[in-house]
Amino acid sequence: MAANFVIADPSVGAPSPISVSDSVQRWPLGAIANGVDVNTGTTNIGGGQFIYCQGSNVASSGQWVQIQNNSAVLLTNNISQKFPVGVVGALLSATNCYGWVQVQGLCDYARGTNSSIAAGVALYGGSVNGYVNSASVDGGFILGAICPVSYTSSQSNNMTVQLHYPVVHGSSAAV
């Protein structure tokens, strides 16, 4: 879960959990920092990279967003804009909320739809805003995000994805 990642970059000071949103801006918007999963044993998934953003309309952690002008804006199923994409670590429901968006590394708290997704397939904006799936008819193709292990709807919408600075590549009709 997102609660297990902390920002461990010396440029931001003491370790900061990504699962906590701020009500005041603590770092420059667009700041990029490294984070690590503090779980122990086999549940530790390593490190990742995060961007500090202002909130907008994100209802829960793990939802997918586009980073527009340093704001985390909920990914919609009819995305056509080519902004960077990431997964939020905390609730960023309004412009007075600030927090981290994961854009690189293994992410085990991303939101998937209630349909199964096979390992290694392309991801698209889902039929539900803030979620992704493997159905190209639902939304735009996301380049730089892949499901490395299969995901089923019984996993409470938490899926593992490999992120490598994802962006919306094109509409489903163009893929």
Protein backbone atom coordinates (compact mmCIF):
# COMPACT_ATOMS: atom_id res chain seq x y z
CA MET A 1 0.00 0.00 0.00
CA ALA A 2 1.00 3.62 -0.45
CA ALA A 3 1.55 3.95 3.31
CA ASN A 4 4.72 1.90 2.96
CA PHE A 5 6.53 4.42 0.73
CA VAL A 6 8.42 7.31 2.26
CA ILE A 7 10.32 10.09 0.52
CA ALA A 8 13.92 9.39 1.46
CA ASP A 9 15.62 12.10 -0.56
CA PRO A 10 17.95 14.36 1.45
CA SER A 11 16.71 17.37 -0.53
CA VAL A 12 13.33 17.23 1.26
CA GLY A 13 14.66 16.64 4.76
CA ALA A 14 13.30 13.99 7.11
CA PRO A 15 11.54 10.95 5.61
CA SER A 16 7.99 11.84 4.63
CA PRO A 17 5.29 9.21 4.02
CA ILE A 18 3.61 9.61 0.63
CA SER A 19 0.29 8.51 2.11
CA VAL A 20 -0.08 11.83 3.95
CA SER A 21 -1.33 14.93 2.16
CA ASP A 22 -0.41 18.44 3.26
CA SER A 23 -2.88 21.28 3.83
CA VAL A 24 -0.14 23.81 3.10
CA GLN A 25 2.57 23.57 0.47
CA ARG A 26 5.76 22.13 2.03
CA TRP A 27 8.00 21.85 -1.04
CA PRO A 28 8.14 23.54 -4.44
CA LEU A 29 5.47 22.27 -6.82
CA GLY A 30 7.07 19.95 -9.35
CA ALA A 31 9.85 18.92 -6.96
CA ILE A 32 11.12 15.45 -7.82
CA ALA A 33 12.25 13.16 -5.01
CA ASN A 34 13.24 9.54 -4.52
CA GLY A 35 11.22 7.31 -2.24
CA VAL A 36 11.58 3.83 -0.82
CA ASP A 37 9.19 1.16 0.37
CA VAL A 38 9.82 0.61 4.08
CA ASN A 39 8.12 -2.79 4.22
CA THR A 40 10.35 -5.65 5.26
CA GLY A 41 10.84 -9.03 3.63
CA THR A 42 9.19 -10.11 0.40
CA THR A 43 6.55 -7.35 0.48
CA ASN A 44 9.17 -4.63 -0.02
CA ILE A 45 9.00 -3.53 -3.65
CA GLY A 46 12.00 -1.20 -3.73
CA GLY A 47 12.21 2.44 -4.67
CA GLY A 48 10.54 4.93 -6.94
CA GLN A 49 10.44 8.53 -8.01
CA PHE A 50 7.75 11.03 -7.03
CA ILE A 51 6.62 14.54 -8.04
CA TYR A 52 5.14 16.97 -5.50
CA CYS A 53 1.82 18.32 -6.80
CA GLN A 54 -1.13 20.47 -5.85
CA GLY A 55 -4.43 18.64 -5.55
CA SER A 56 -7.50 19.02 -7.71
CA ASN A 57 -10.20 16.35 -7.80
CA VAL A 58 -8.62 13.10 -6.56
CA ALA A 59 -10.91 11.11 -4.25
CA SER A 60 -8.51 8.45 -2.92
CA SER A 61 -4.93 7.26 -2.88
CA GLY A 62 -3.92 4.99 -5.72
CA GLN A 63 -5.96 6.83 -8.33
CA TRP A 64 -4.34 7.70 -11.64
CA VAL A 65 -3.80 11.35 -12.49
CA GLN A 66 -2.41 13.55 -15.20
CA ILE A 67 0.09 16.14 -14.02
CA GLN A 68 -1.13 19.40 -15.50
CA ASN A 69 0.74 22.57 -14.53
CA ASN A 70 2.01 20.83 -11.33
CA SER A 71 -1.54 19.84 -10.36
CA ALA A 72 -2.71 16.23 -9.97
CA VAL A 73 -5.87 16.06 -12.11
CA LEU A 74 -7.91 12.86 -12.11
CA LEU A 75 -7.31 10.73 -15.22
CA THR A 76 -10.54 10.56 -17.20
CA ASN A 77 -11.67 7.78 -19.47
CA ASN A 78 -11.76 10.07 -22.51
CA ILE A 79 -8.24 11.43 -22.15
CA SER A 80 -6.79 13.02 -25.23
CA GLN A 81 -4.29 15.40 -23.63
CA LYS A 82 -0.69 14.20 -23.59
CA PHE A 83 0.27 15.23 -20.05
CA PRO A 84 2.47 13.06 -17.81
CA VAL A 85 0.62 10.42 -15.82
CA GLY A 86 1.19 9.03 -12.31
CA VAL A 87 -0.40 7.43 -9.27
CA VAL A 88 -1.24 9.55 -6.19
CA GLY A 89 -0.13 8.44 -2.77
CA ALA A 90 -2.75 10.38 -0.77
CA LEU A 91 -6.11 12.11 -1.04
CA LEU A 92 -5.66 15.27 -3.13
CA SER A 93 -9.29 16.35 -3.39
CA ALA A 94 -8.92 20.15 -3.60
CA THR A 95 -6.45 22.89 -4.47
CA ASN A 96 -5.54 23.30 -0.78
CA CYS A 97 -4.17 19.71 -0.71
CA TYR A 98 -0.60 18.87 -1.64
CA GLY A 99 1.15 15.53 -2.00
CA TRP A 100 3.28 13.10 -3.95
CA VAL A 101 2.54 11.41 -7.29
CA GLN A 102 4.57 8.31 -8.20
CA VAL A 103 5.95 8.39 -11.76
CA GLN A 104 8.73 5.78 -11.69
CA GLY A 105 9.30 2.39 -10.12
CA LEU A 106 7.15 -0.48 -8.99
CA CYS A 107 3.84 0.74 -7.54
CA ASP A 108 1.67 -1.71 -5.56
CA TYR A 109 -1.24 0.58 -4.71
CA ALA A 110 -2.53 1.68 -8.14
CA ARG A 111 -6.24 1.50 -8.89
CA GLY A 112 -7.52 -0.96 -11.48
CA THR A 113 -11.05 -1.54 -12.62
CA ASN A 114 -13.19 -4.48 -11.61
CA SER A 115 -12.05 -6.51 -14.62
CA SER A 116 -9.03 -8.78 -14.86
CA ILE A 117 -5.81 -7.53 -16.44
CA ALA A 118 -3.24 -9.98 -17.79
CA ALA A 119 0.46 -9.51 -17.09
CA GLY A 120 2.37 -7.56 -19.71
CA VAL A 121 -0.55 -5.97 -21.53
CA ALA A 122 -0.99 -2.29 -22.37
CA LEU A 123 -2.94 -0.07 -19.97
CA TYR A 124 -5.63 2.45 -20.90
CA GLY A 125 -7.68 5.04 -19.08
CA GLY A 126 -10.49 3.02 -17.53
CA SER A 127 -14.24 3.34 -17.85
CA VAL A 128 -14.15 4.76 -14.30
CA ASN A 129 -12.21 8.02 -13.89
CA GLY A 130 -8.95 7.56 -11.95
CA TYR A 131 -8.71 3.85 -12.78
CA VAL A 132 -7.02 1.96 -15.61
CA ASN A 133 -7.75 -1.27 -17.43
CA SER A 134 -6.65 -3.21 -20.50
CA ALA A 135 -9.66 -2.36 -22.68
CA SER A 136 -8.60 -0.03 -25.48
CA VAL A 137 -12.20 1.01 -26.10
CA ASP A 138 -12.39 2.78 -22.75
CA GLY A 139 -9.68 5.43 -22.94
CA GLY A 140 -6.30 6.61 -24.13
CA PHE A 141 -3.23 4.37 -24.26
CA ILE A 142 -0.76 5.03 -21.43
CA LEU A 143 2.84 4.66 -22.58
CA GLY A 144 5.30 3.88 -19.74
CA ALA A 145 2.96 1.90 -17.48
CA ILE A 146 2.52 -1.86 -17.53
CA CYS A 147 1.05 -4.50 -15.25
CA PRO A 148 3.99 -6.88 -14.57
CA VAL A 149 1.80 -9.49 -12.85
CA SER A 150 -1.79 -10.42 -13.57
CA TYR A 151 -4.49 -8.56 -11.68
CA THR A 152 -7.97 -9.80 -10.86
CA SER A 153 -11.02 -7.89 -9.68
CA SER A 154 -10.86 -9.72 -6.33
CA GLN A 155 -7.75 -7.72 -5.35
CA SER A 156 -9.73 -4.75 -3.96
CA ASN A 157 -8.74 -2.53 -6.89
CA ASN A 158 -5.07 -2.43 -5.75
CA MET A 159 -2.87 -3.51 -8.61
CA THR A 160 0.87 -3.59 -9.09
CA VAL A 161 2.20 -1.58 -12.02
CA GLN A 162 5.67 -0.77 -13.30
CA LEU A 163 5.91 2.96 -13.99
CA HIS A 164 8.50 4.60 -16.20
CA TYR A 165 7.46 8.25 -16.52
CA PRO A 166 4.08 7.38 -18.10
CA VAL A 167 2.27 9.67 -20.54
CA VAL A 168 -0.91 9.43 -22.52
CA HIS A 169 0.27 8.30 -25.92
CA GLY A 170 -2.94 8.60 -27.88
CA SER A 171 -6.63 7.97 -27.99
CA SER A 172 -7.82 4.39 -28.17
CA ALA A 173 -8.79 4.91 -31.80
CA ALA A 174 -5.19 5.84 -32.70
CA VAL A 175 -3.55 2.79 -31.15
